[in-house]
C-alpha atoms as a PDB file:
ATOM      1  CA  MET A   1       1.941  18.774-100.773  1.00  0.00           C
ATOM      2  CA  ASN A   2       2.262  22.518-100.148  1.00  0.00           C
ATOM      3  CA  ALA A   3       5.291  23.845 -98.301  1.00  0.00           C
ATOM      4  CA  PRO A   4       3.615  24.822 -94.973  1.00  0.00           C
ATOM      5  CA  TYR A   5       1.937  21.433 -94.687  1.00  0.00           C
ATOM      6  CA  ARG A   6       5.169  19.659 -95.636  1.00  0.00           C
ATOM      7  CA  LEU A   7       6.987  21.568 -92.889  1.00  0.00           C
ATOM      8  CA  ALA A   8       4.290  20.658 -90.363  1.00  0.00           C
ATOM      9  CA  VAL A   9       4.620  16.978 -91.286  1.00  0.00           C
ATOM     10  CA  LEU A  10       8.404  17.110 -90.911  1.00  0.00           C
ATOM     11  CA  VAL A  11       8.193  18.800 -87.502  1.00  0.00           C
ATOM     12  CA  ASP A  12       5.686  16.237 -86.220  1.00  0.00           C
ATOM     13  CA  SER A  13       7.893  13.460 -87.601  1.00  0.00           C
ATOM     14  CA  CYS A  14      10.764  14.682 -85.424  1.00  0.00           C
ATOM     15  CA  LEU A  15       8.890  15.005 -82.104  1.00  0.00           C
ATOM     16  CA  LEU A  16       8.424  12.374 -79.394  1.00  0.00           C
ATOM     17  CA  PRO A  17       5.801  13.582 -76.888  1.00  0.00           C
ATOM     18  CA  SER A  18       5.107  11.969 -73.512  1.00  0.00           C
ATOM     19  CA  VAL A  19       1.717  10.694 -72.356  1.00  0.00           C
ATOM     20  CA  SER A  20       0.372   9.224 -69.123  1.00  0.00           C
ATOM     21  CA  CYS A  21      -2.948   7.994 -70.544  1.00  0.00           C
ATOM     22  CA  PRO A  22      -4.669   7.234 -67.195  1.00  0.00           C
ATOM     23  CA  SER A  23      -8.006   6.538 -68.918  1.00  0.00           C
ATOM     24  CA  GLY A  24      -6.517   4.339 -71.616  1.00  0.00           C
ATOM     25  CA  ARG A  25      -7.295   7.001 -74.250  1.00  0.00           C
ATOM     26  CA  LEU A  26      -4.733   9.041 -76.117  1.00  0.00           C
ATOM     27  CA  PRO A  27      -5.336  12.809 -76.043  1.00  0.00           C
ATOM     28  CA  ASP A  28      -6.723  14.284 -79.258  1.00  0.00           C
ATOM     29  CA  TRP A  29      -3.605  16.377 -79.861  1.00  0.00           C
ATOM     30  CA  ILE A  30      -1.483  13.221 -79.759  1.00  0.00           C
ATOM     31  CA  LEU A  31      -3.812  11.518 -82.235  1.00  0.00           C
ATOM     32  CA  ARG A  32      -3.623  14.510 -84.569  1.00  0.00           C
ATOM     33  CA  GLY A  33       0.165  14.349 -84.438  1.00  0.00           C
ATOM     34  CA  LEU A  34       0.164  10.598 -85.138  1.00  0.00           C
ATOM     35  CA  GLU A  35      -2.056  11.199 -88.166  1.00  0.00           C
ATOM     36  CA  ARG A  36       0.514  13.646 -89.492  1.00  0.00           C
ATOM     37  CA  GLY A  37       3.637  11.612 -88.791  1.00  0.00           C
ATOM     38  CA  THR A  38       4.555  11.732 -85.092  1.00  0.00           C
ATOM     39  CA  PRO A  39       6.545   8.483 -84.774  1.00  0.00           C
ATOM     40  CA  GLY A  40       5.240   7.470 -81.350  1.00  0.00           C
ATOM     41  CA  VAL A  41       5.147   8.507 -77.710  1.00  0.00           C
ATOM     42  CA  ALA A  42       7.094   8.043 -74.503  1.00  0.00           C
ATOM     43  CA  VAL A  43       5.005   6.060 -72.010  1.00  0.00           C
ATOM     44  CA  PRO A  44       5.109   6.002 -68.180  1.00  0.00           C
ATOM     45  CA  ALA A  45       7.835   4.172 -66.312  1.00  0.00           C
ATOM     46  CA  GLU A  46       6.007   1.083 -65.119  1.00  0.00           C
ATOM     47  CA  GLY A  47       2.780  -0.585 -64.116  1.00  0.00           C
ATOM     48  CA  ALA A  48      -0.683  -0.629 -65.607  1.00  0.00           C
ATOM     49  CA  ALA A  49      -0.386   2.952 -66.871  1.00  0.00           C
ATOM     50  CA  ALA A  50       2.477   1.959 -69.160  1.00  0.00           C
ATOM     51  CA  ARG A  51       0.512  -0.970 -70.554  1.00  0.00           C
ATOM     52  CA  ARG A  52      -2.626   1.143 -71.109  1.00  0.00           C
ATOM     53  CA  ALA A  53      -0.649   3.828 -72.922  1.00  0.00           C
ATOM     54  CA  ALA A  54       1.152   1.272 -75.107  1.00  0.00           C
ATOM     55  CA  GLU A  55      -2.087  -0.519 -75.966  1.00  0.00           C
ATOM     56  CA  ALA A  56      -3.821   2.744 -76.870  1.00  0.00           C
ATOM     57  CA  LEU A  57      -0.867   3.664 -79.062  1.00  0.00           C
ATOM     58  CA  ARG A  58      -0.824   0.279 -80.805  1.00  0.00           C
ATOM     59  CA  THR A  59      -4.566   0.534 -81.462  1.00  0.00           C
ATOM     60  CA  ALA A  60      -4.071   3.927 -83.095  1.00  0.00           C
ATOM     61  CA  VAL A  61      -0.837   3.180 -84.986  1.00  0.00           C
ATOM     62  CA  PRO A  62       0.425  -0.418 -84.832  1.00  0.00           C
ATOM     63  CA  ASP A  63       3.943   0.451 -86.010  1.00  0.00           C
ATOM     64  CA  ALA A  64       4.515   3.408 -83.667  1.00  0.00           C
ATOM     65  CA  LEU A  65       7.458   3.820 -81.317  1.00  0.00           C
ATOM     66  CA  ALA A  66       6.443   3.038 -77.735  1.00  0.00           C
ATOM     67  CA  ALA A  67       9.358   4.531 -75.802  1.00  0.00           C
ATOM     68  CA  HIS A  68       9.889   3.453 -72.193  1.00  0.00           C
ATOM     69  CA  PRO A  69      12.415   4.625 -69.569  1.00  0.00           C
ATOM     70  CA  GLY A  70      13.339   1.011 -68.861  1.00  0.00           C
ATOM     71  CA  PRO A  71      12.844  -1.468 -66.036  1.00  0.00           C
ATOM     72  CA  PRO A  72      13.818  -0.503 -62.463  1.00  0.00           C
ATOM     73  CA  ALA A  73      17.034  -1.696 -60.886  1.00  0.00           C
ATOM     74  CA  THR A  74      17.144  -5.120 -59.277  1.00  0.00           C
ATOM     75  CA  PRO A  75      16.998  -5.370 -55.436  1.00  0.00           C
ATOM     76  CA  ASP A  76      20.806  -5.245 -55.216  1.00  0.00           C
ATOM     77  CA  GLY A  77      20.795  -1.971 -57.137  1.00  0.00           C
ATOM     78  CA  SER A  78      22.105  -3.350 -60.412  1.00  0.00           C
ATOM     79  CA  ALA A  79      20.353  -3.034 -63.756  1.00  0.00           C
ATOM     80  CA  PRO A  80      18.952  -6.162 -65.437  1.00  0.00           C
ATOM     81  CA  ASP A  81      20.947  -7.477 -68.368  1.00  0.00           C
ATOM     82  CA  GLY A  82      19.873  -6.683 -71.914  1.00  0.00           C
ATOM     83  CA  SER A  83      17.855  -9.870 -72.435  1.00  0.00           C
ATOM     84  CA  ALA A  84      15.947  -9.441 -69.157  1.00  0.00           C
ATOM     85  CA  ALA A  85      15.337  -5.754 -69.850  1.00  0.00           C
ATOM     86  CA  ALA A  86      13.993  -6.600 -73.311  1.00  0.00           C
ATOM     87  CA  ALA A  87      11.601  -9.178 -71.848  1.00  0.00           C
ATOM     88  CA  GLU A  88      10.215  -6.636 -69.378  1.00  0.00           C
ATOM     89  CA  LEU A  89       9.836  -3.943 -72.004  1.00  0.00           C
ATOM     90  CA  VAL A  90       8.160  -6.257 -74.506  1.00  0.00           C
ATOM     91  CA  SER A  91       5.766  -7.297 -71.737  1.00  0.00           C
ATOM     92  CA  ALA A  92       4.982  -3.602 -71.170  1.00  0.00           C
ATOM     93  CA  GLY A  93       4.312  -3.123 -74.894  1.00  0.00           C
ATOM     94  CA  ALA A  94       7.444  -1.019 -75.476  1.00  0.00           C
ATOM     95  CA  ASN A  95       9.900  -1.232 -78.372  1.00  0.00           C
ATOM     96  CA  LEU A  96      12.343   1.587 -77.485  1.00  0.00           C
ATOM     97  CA  HIS A  97      14.401   1.654 -74.266  1.00  0.00           C
ATOM     98  CA  LEU A  98      15.060   5.295 -73.349  1.00  0.00           C
ATOM     99  CA  GLY A  99      17.178   4.560 -70.288  1.00  0.00           C
ATOM    100  CA  VAL A 100      20.212   2.640 -71.571  1.00  0.00           C
ATOM    101  CA  ARG A 101      23.181   3.927 -69.574  1.00  0.00           C
ATOM    102  CA  PRO A 102      26.858   3.587 -70.504  1.00  0.00           C
ATOM    103  CA  GLY A 103      28.306   0.441 -68.943  1.00  0.00           C
ATOM    104  CA  PRO A 104      30.804   0.784 -66.083  1.00  0.00           C
ATOM    105  CA  ALA A 105      33.230  -1.790 -67.502  1.00  0.00           C
ATOM    106  CA  ALA A 106      34.845  -2.427 -70.857  1.00  0.00           C
ATOM    107  CA  ASP A 107      32.474  -4.172 -73.288  1.00  0.00           C
ATOM    108  CA  ALA A 108      29.496  -3.803 -70.927  1.00  0.00           C
ATOM    109  CA  THR A 109      27.727  -1.281 -73.166  1.00  0.00           C
ATOM    110  CA  ARG A 110      28.210  -3.395 -76.277  1.00  0.00           C
ATOM    111  CA  ALA A 111      26.917  -6.511 -74.521  1.00  0.00           C
ATOM    112  CA  PHE A 112      23.807  -4.793 -73.150  1.00  0.00           C
ATOM    113  CA  VAL A 113      22.920  -3.059 -76.415  1.00  0.00           C
ATOM    114  CA  THR A 114      23.446  -6.250 -78.428  1.00  0.00           C
ATOM    115  CA  ASP A 115      21.321  -8.374 -76.084  1.00  0.00           C
ATOM    116  CA  LEU A 116      18.537  -5.785 -75.930  1.00  0.00           C
ATOM    117  CA  GLN A 117      18.337  -5.237 -79.692  1.00  0.00           C
ATOM    118  CA  THR A 118      18.692  -8.944 -80.478  1.00  0.00           C
ATOM    119  CA  HIS A 119      15.353  -9.351 -78.700  1.00  0.00           C
ATOM    120  CA  GLY A 120      13.672  -6.639 -80.741  1.00  0.00           C
ATOM    121  CA  VAL A 121      13.884  -3.591 -78.459  1.00  0.00           C
ATOM    122  CA  ALA A 122      15.742  -0.550 -79.808  1.00  0.00           C
ATOM    123  CA  ALA A 123      18.279   1.024 -77.460  1.00  0.00           C
ATOM    124  CA  ALA A 124      18.674   4.752 -76.813  1.00  0.00           C
ATOM    125  CA  LEU A 125      22.078   5.087 -75.147  1.00  0.00           C
ATOM    126  CA  GLY A 126      22.803   8.131 -73.050  1.00  0.00           C
ATOM    127  CA  PRO A 127      23.062  10.735 -71.890  1.00  0.00           C
ATOM    128  CA  PHE A 128      25.834  11.784 -74.259  1.00  0.00           C
ATOM    129  CA  THR A 129      27.374  15.032 -73.044  1.00  0.00           C
ATOM    130  CA  GLY A 130      30.467  15.412 -75.200  1.00  0.00           C
ATOM    131  CA  THR A 131      32.636  15.177 -72.072  1.00  0.00           C
ATOM    132  CA  GLY A 132      34.288  12.323 -70.223  1.00  0.00           C
ATOM    133  CA  SER A 133      35.029   8.941 -71.750  1.00  0.00           C
ATOM    134  CA  LEU A 134      33.637   8.371 -75.215  1.00  0.00           C
ATOM    135  CA  GLU A 135      34.461   4.653 -75.126  1.00  0.00           C
ATOM    136  CA  PRO A 136      30.973   3.429 -74.084  1.00  0.00           C
ATOM    137  CA  PHE A 137      29.432   5.394 -76.949  1.00  0.00           C
ATOM    138  CA  ALA A 138      32.015   4.019 -79.377  1.00  0.00           C
ATOM    139  CA  GLU A 139      31.072   0.531 -78.138  1.00  0.00           C
ATOM    140  CA  GLY A 140      27.387   1.298 -78.606  1.00  0.00           C
ATOM    141  CA  ALA A 141      27.973   2.634 -82.106  1.00  0.00           C
ATOM    142  CA  ALA A 142      29.991  -0.470 -83.007  1.00  0.00           C
ATOM    143  CA  ALA A 143      27.131  -2.647 -81.704  1.00  0.00           C
ATOM    144  CA  GLY A 144      24.660  -0.809 -83.955  1.00  0.00           C
ATOM    145  CA  VAL A 145      22.841   1.101 -81.223  1.00  0.00           C
ATOM    146  CA  ARG A 146      19.701   2.532 -82.811  1.00  0.00           C
ATOM    147  CA  ALA A 147      19.684   5.862 -80.953  1.00  0.00           C
ATOM    148  CA  ILE A 148      21.889   7.988 -78.740  1.00  0.00           C
ATOM    149  CA  THR A 149      20.344  10.463 -76.309  1.00  0.00           C
ATOM    150  CA  VAL A 150      22.089  13.812 -75.900  1.00  0.00           C
ATOM    151  CA  GLY A 151      21.820  15.380 -72.465  1.00  0.00           C
ATOM    152  CA  HIS A 152      21.626  18.851 -70.946  1.00  0.00           C
ATOM    153  CA  THR A 153      25.174  19.169 -69.591  1.00  0.00           C
ATOM    154  CA  VAL A 154      27.185  22.091 -70.983  1.00  0.00           C
ATOM    155  CA  PRO A 155      30.318  20.486 -72.461  1.00  0.00           C
ATOM    156  CA  GLY A 156      32.218  23.706 -73.011  1.00  0.00           C
ATOM    157  CA  GLY A 157      33.344  25.207 -76.277  1.00  0.00           C
ATOM    158  CA  ASP A 158      30.209  26.915 -77.569  1.00  0.00           C
ATOM    159  CA  GLY A 159      28.723  27.169 -74.055  1.00  0.00           C
ATOM    160  CA  LEU A 160      25.515  25.355 -75.024  1.00  0.00           C
ATOM    161  CA  PRO A 161      23.926  22.270 -73.458  1.00  0.00           C
ATOM    162  CA  ALA A 162      24.983  19.175 -75.386  1.00  0.00           C
ATOM    163  CA  ALA A 163      21.511  18.705 -76.893  1.00  0.00           C
ATOM    164  CA  LEU A 164      21.703  22.187 -78.445  1.00  0.00           C
ATOM    165  CA  SER A 165      25.392  22.153 -79.297  1.00  0.00           C
ATOM    166  CA  PRO A 166      26.631  21.737 -82.891  1.00  0.00           C
ATOM    167  CA  SER A 167      30.098  20.936 -81.540  1.00  0.00           C
ATOM    168  CA  ALA A 168      28.810  18.131 -79.283  1.00  0.00           C
ATOM    169  CA  VAL A 169      26.376  16.622 -81.805  1.00  0.00           C
ATOM    170  CA  GLY A 170      27.977  17.393 -85.161  1.00  0.00           C
ATOM    171  CA  GLY A 171      31.588  17.633 -84.090  1.00  0.00           C
ATOM    172  CA  THR A 172      32.020  14.867 -81.517  1.00  0.00           C
ATOM    173  CA  LEU A 173      29.114  12.438 -81.928  1.00  0.00           C
ATOM    174  CA  ARG A 174      28.721  12.548 -85.703  1.00  0.00           C
ATOM    175  CA  GLY A 175      32.271  13.547 -86.588  1.00  0.00           C
ATOM    176  CA  GLU A 176      34.711  12.040 -84.096  1.00  0.00           C
ATOM    177  CA  LEU A 177      32.653   8.905 -83.356  1.00  0.00           C
ATOM    178  CA  GLY A 178      31.151   8.655 -86.843  1.00  0.00           C
ATOM    179  CA  TYR A 179      27.704   7.840 -85.477  1.00  0.00           C
ATOM    180  CA  GLY A 180      25.021   7.691 -88.163  1.00  0.00           C
ATOM    181  CA  GLY A 181      21.931   6.565 -86.246  1.00  0.00           C
ATOM    182  CA  VAL A 182      19.192   8.604 -84.586  1.00  0.00           C
ATOM    183  CA  VAL A 183      20.324  11.341 -82.224  1.00  0.00           C
ATOM    184  CA  MET A 184      17.620  12.101 -79.678  1.00  0.00           C
ATOM    185  CA  SER A 185      17.427  14.945 -77.202  1.00  0.00           C
ATOM    186  CA  ASP A 186      16.758  14.356 -73.561  1.00  0.00           C
ATOM    187  CA  ALA A 187      13.350  15.755 -72.598  1.00  0.00           C
ATOM    188  CA  LEU A 188      13.497  19.524 -73.114  1.00  0.00           C
ATOM    189  CA  ASP A 189      11.677  20.412 -69.897  1.00  0.00           C
ATOM    190  CA  ALA A 190      14.761  20.818 -67.700  1.00  0.00           C
ATOM    191  CA  PRO A 191      14.527  24.133 -65.801  1.00  0.00           C
ATOM    192  CA  ALA A 192      17.805  25.440 -67.234  1.00  0.00           C
ATOM    193  CA  ILE A 193      16.546  24.790 -70.779  1.00  0.00           C
ATOM    194  CA  VAL A 194      13.101  26.277 -70.195  1.00  0.00           C
ATOM    195  CA  GLU A 195      14.408  29.400 -68.468  1.00  0.00           C
ATOM    196  CA  GLU A 196      17.045  30.201 -71.094  1.00  0.00           C
ATOM    197  CA  TRP A 197      15.418  29.206 -74.403  1.00  0.00           C
ATOM    198  CA  GLY A 198      11.927  27.846 -73.752  1.00  0.00           C
ATOM    199  CA  VAL A 199      10.959  24.459 -75.145  1.00  0.00           C
ATOM    200  CA  PRO A 200      10.095  25.778 -78.659  1.00  0.00           C
ATOM    201  CA  GLY A 201      13.373  27.669 -79.023  1.00  0.00           C
ATOM    202  CA  ALA A 202      15.355  24.745 -77.649  1.00  0.00           C
ATOM    203  CA  ALA A 203      13.679  22.340 -80.078  1.00  0.00           C
ATOM    204  CA  VAL A 204      14.739  24.494 -83.041  1.00  0.00           C
ATOM    205  CA  LEU A 205      18.295  24.813 -81.723  1.00  0.00           C
ATOM    206  CA  ALA A 206      18.449  21.037 -81.222  1.00  0.00           C
ATOM    207  CA  TRP A 207      17.463  20.379 -84.840  1.00  0.00           C
ATOM    208  CA  ILE A 208      19.978  22.953 -86.071  1.00  0.00           C
ATOM    209  CA  ALA A 209      22.673  21.255 -83.952  1.00  0.00           C
ATOM    210  CA  GLY A 210      21.974  17.898 -85.592  1.00  0.00           C
ATOM    211  CA  VAL A 211      19.468  16.248 -83.246  1.00  0.00           C
ATOM    212  CA  ASP A 212      16.912  14.145 -85.117  1.00  0.00           C
ATOM    213  CA  LEU A 213      14.205  13.372 -82.549  1.00  0.00           C
ATOM    214  CA  VAL A 214      13.207  15.944 -79.936  1.00  0.00           C
ATOM    215  CA  ARG A 215      11.706  14.536 -76.757  1.00  0.00           C
ATOM    216  CA  LEU A 216       8.972  16.474 -74.991  1.00  0.00           C
ATOM    217  CA  GLY A 217       8.455  16.011 -71.269  1.00  0.00           C
ATOM    218  CA  PRO A 218       5.105  15.150 -69.677  1.00  0.00           C
ATOM    219  CA  GLY A 219       4.409  18.816 -68.989  1.00  0.00           C
ATOM    220  CA  SER A 220       4.592  19.745 -72.681  1.00  0.00           C
ATOM    221  CA  GLY A 221       1.071  19.604 -74.078  1.00  0.00           C
ATOM    222  CA  PRO A 222      -0.669  20.840 -77.222  1.00  0.00           C
ATOM    223  CA  GLY A 223       0.236  24.485 -76.608  1.00  0.00           C
ATOM    224  CA  VAL A 224       3.947  23.662 -76.523  1.00  0.00           C
ATOM    225  CA  ARG A 225       3.620  21.529 -79.641  1.00  0.00           C
ATOM    226  CA  ASP A 226       1.910  24.391 -81.515  1.00  0.00           C
ATOM    227  CA  ALA A 227       4.592  26.828 -80.344  1.00  0.00           C
ATOM    228  CA  ILE A 228       7.296  24.460 -81.638  1.00  0.00           C
ATOM    229  CA  HIS A 229       5.611  24.432 -85.051  1.00  0.00           C
ATOM    230  CA  ALA A 230       5.516  28.233 -85.065  1.00  0.00           C
ATOM    231  CA  ALA A 231       9.162  28.511 -83.987  1.00  0.00           C
ATOM    232  CA  ALA A 232      10.255  26.015 -86.651  1.00  0.00           C
ATOM    233  CA  ALA A 233       8.335  27.903 -89.340  1.00  0.00           C
ATOM    234  CA  ARG A 234      10.077  31.155 -88.367  1.00  0.00           C
ATOM    235  CA  ALA A 235      13.488  29.490 -88.319  1.00  0.00           C
ATOM    236  CA  VAL A 236      12.923  27.975 -91.771  1.00  0.00           C
ATOM    237  CA  ALA A 237      11.678  31.292 -93.172  1.00  0.00           C
ATOM    238  CA  ASP A 238      14.718  33.100 -91.725  1.00  0.00           C
ATOM    239  CA  GLY A 239      17.107  30.527 -93.167  1.00  0.00           C
ATOM    240  CA  ASP A 240      18.333  29.316 -89.774  1.00  0.00           C
ATOM    241  CA  LEU A 241      16.810  25.833 -90.052  1.00  0.00           C
ATOM    242  CA  PRO A 242      17.072  24.284 -93.524  1.00  0.00           C
ATOM    243  CA  MET A 243      14.213  22.067 -94.634  1.00  0.00           C
ATOM    244  CA  GLY A 244      16.888  19.565 -95.660  1.00  0.00           C
ATOM    245  CA  ARG A 245      17.989  19.238 -92.029  1.00  0.00           C
ATOM    246  CA  LEU A 246      14.443  18.261 -90.994  1.00  0.00           C
ATOM    247  CA  GLU A 247      14.125  15.892 -93.959  1.00  0.00           C
ATOM    248  CA  GLU A 248      17.352  14.170 -92.958  1.00  0.00           C
ATOM    249  CA  ALA A 249      16.152  13.893 -89.352  1.00  0.00           C
ATOM    250  CA  ALA A 250      12.737  12.557 -90.358  1.00  0.00           C
ATOM    251  CA  GLU A 251      14.319   9.884 -92.546  1.00  0.00           C
ATOM    252  CA  ARG A 252      16.545   8.662 -89.708  1.00  0.00           C
ATOM    253  CA  VAL A 253      13.572   8.521 -87.346  1.00  0.00           C
ATOM    254  CA  ALA A 254      11.528   6.642 -89.961  1.00  0.00           C
ATOM    255  CA  ARG A 255      14.309   4.030 -90.220  1.00  0.00           C
ATOM    256  CA  LEU A 256      14.292   3.608 -86.445  1.00  0.00           C
ATOM    257  CA  ARG A 257      10.521   3.230 -86.476  1.00  0.00           C
ATOM    258  CA  ARG A 258      10.641   0.601 -89.211  1.00  0.00           C
ATOM    259  CA  TRP A 259      13.327  -1.339 -87.365  1.00  0.00           C
ATOM    260  CA  ALA A 260      11.422  -1.265 -84.064  1.00  0.00           C
ATOM    261  CA  SER A 261       8.184  -2.467 -85.670  1.00  0.00           C
ATOM    262  CA  GLU A 262       9.739  -5.471 -87.444  1.00  0.00           C
ATOM    263  CA  PRO A 263       9.537  -8.819 -85.606  1.00  0.00           C
ATOM    264  CA  ARG A 264      12.902 -10.504 -85.234  1.00  0.00           C
ATOM    265  CA  MET A 265      14.310 -13.658 -83.704  1.00  0.00           C
ATOM    266  CA  PRO A 266      17.268 -13.579 -81.293  1.00  0.00           C
ATOM    267  CA  ARG A 267      20.620 -14.636 -82.695  1.00  0.00           C
ATOM    268  CA  GLU A 268      22.404 -17.643 -81.264  1.00  0.00           C
ATOM    269  CA  SER A 269      23.970 -16.774 -77.931  1.00  0.00           C
ATOM    270  CA  GLY A 270      27.472 -17.415 -79.299  1.00  0.00           C
ATOM    271  CA  ALA A 271      26.921 -14.840 -82.029  1.00  0.00           C
ATOM    272  CA  ARG A 272      25.515 -12.344 -79.550  1.00  0.00           C
ATOM    273  CA  ARG A 273      28.231 -12.757 -76.992  1.00  0.00           C
ATOM    274  CA  GLY A 274      31.235 -13.221 -79.245  1.00  0.00           C
ATOM    275  CA  SER A 275      34.276 -11.212 -78.421  1.00  0.00           C
ATOM    276  CA  GLY A 276      34.334  -9.349 -81.733  1.00  0.00           C
ATOM    277  CA  ALA A 277      32.196  -6.283 -82.344  1.00  0.00           C
ATOM    278  CA  ARG A 278      29.580  -6.613 -85.040  1.00  0.00           C
ATOM    279  CA  HIS A 279      28.361  -3.980 -87.450  1.00  0.00           C
ATOM    280  CA  GLU A 280      24.595  -3.517 -87.572  1.00  0.00           C
ATOM    281  CA  PRO A 281      23.274  -2.802 -91.077  1.00  0.00           C
ATOM    282  CA  GLY A 282      22.106   0.767 -91.505  1.00  0.00           C
ATOM    283  CA  THR A 283      24.796   2.383 -89.340  1.00  0.00           C
ATOM    284  CA  PRO A 284      28.413   3.218 -90.177  1.00  0.00           C
ATOM    285  CA  PRO A 285      30.870   0.716 -88.676  1.00  0.00           C
ATOM    286  CA  ALA A 286      33.364   1.850 -86.087  1.00  0.00           C
ATOM    287  CA  PRO A 287      37.036   1.732 -87.058  1.00  0.00           C
ATOM    288  CA  GLY A 288      38.212  -1.862 -87.302  1.00  0.00           C
ATOM    289  CA  VAL A 289      34.710  -3.346 -87.406  1.00  0.00           C
ATOM    290  CA  PRO A 290      33.929  -5.168 -90.673  1.00  0.00           C
ATOM    291  CA  ARG A 291      30.902  -3.834 -92.483  1.00  0.00           C
ATOM    292  CA  THR A 292      28.133  -6.195 -93.474  1.00  0.00           C
ATOM    293  CA  PRO A 293      26.098  -5.373 -96.571  1.00  0.00           C
ATOM    294  CA  ASP A 294      22.960  -3.379 -95.878  1.00  0.00           C
ATOM    295  CA  PRO A 295      19.858  -5.286 -96.984  1.00  0.00           C
ATOM    296  CA  GLN A 296      17.334  -3.597 -99.194  1.00  0.00           C
ATOM    297  CA  PRO A 297      14.710  -2.124 -96.870  1.00  0.00           C
ATOM    298  CA  PRO A 298      11.313  -3.751 -97.131  1.00  0.00           C
ATOM    299  CA  SER A 299       8.441  -1.676 -98.347  1.00  0.00           C
ATOM    300  CA  ASP A 300       6.510  -0.160 -95.486  1.00  0.00           C
ATOM    301  CA  PRO A 301       3.351  -2.072 -94.579  1.00  0.00           C
ATOM    302  CA  PRO A 302       0.071  -0.205 -94.967  1.00  0.00           C
ATOM    303  CA  ARG A 303      -0.854   1.598 -91.805  1.00  0.00           C
ATOM    304  CA  LYS A 304      -4.084   1.025 -89.970  1.00  0.00           C
ATOM    305  CA  PRO A 305      -6.317   4.119 -90.079  1.00  0.00           C
ATOM    306  CA  ILE A 306      -6.361   6.032 -86.815  1.00  0.00           C
ATOM    307  CA  THR A 307      -9.695   5.974 -85.053  1.00  0.00           C
ATOM    308  CA  ARG A 308     -10.350   8.455 -82.326  1.00  0.00           C
ATOM    309  CA  ASN A 309     -12.178   7.568 -79.149  1.00  0.00           C
ATOM    310  CA  ALA A 310     -15.583   9.063 -78.846  1.00  0.00           C
END
């Protein structure tokens, strides 16, 4: 594989675009990305559109990430528990919950993440800003949360939004909390991000900072994707973005994708709701949490060829 093509594959492997899919057909640019390694897409919030998008994605790539913002709040304004949220997301065809918020009480984050992931839906906990209490994120890390979303708030220090900040991602999240799972950016279409750096420039800065999976908002189409590829190629050529950083990110995303595509049975409720934190294989344990041996990863199943709609 020649170097330019390898770089293009790595960039696609670290992007999560958004689709609405009103006709039940994925756009051609999304299909081209999936052919080259894009791990999946973010689907609409609810209703038939979410199901159509998830079904179109599964038809194209059965093991893709179908990322969903999560079920709406209950009538009293509270969020459903992890088991109920997983049931709704599985019904919608999703396997990645993008909207997991830090719990308001001690142990609430751990309980939600554990229940959700026990039922086969990966959690993306956030937004992580590098400010405020880190306890919910420590709980999530101890519970083996599969992804943490980094937000747009400027935490101070280097003056950059958290998603673009080496101190927030590398220093606090990776260093202080010891988190080893997927770090995902919030969608890079926030006005402050677009006005200051543009989506392509912000995507490169996010990868340099230590983000693994860059989320694109619904307004970012094929032109933005192509501009991200061009910006990444310049950054690699200039030595600002090492290929090794993208390789590391792509490997983490691939592990998340494999986990989310594997069927699993819920643990016994006593094991899920026990008072002690549990270490999830594949992520570093938090201090004081016993590590369980990591199983040998299964070989990846052969992928179904992508067929485009006429």
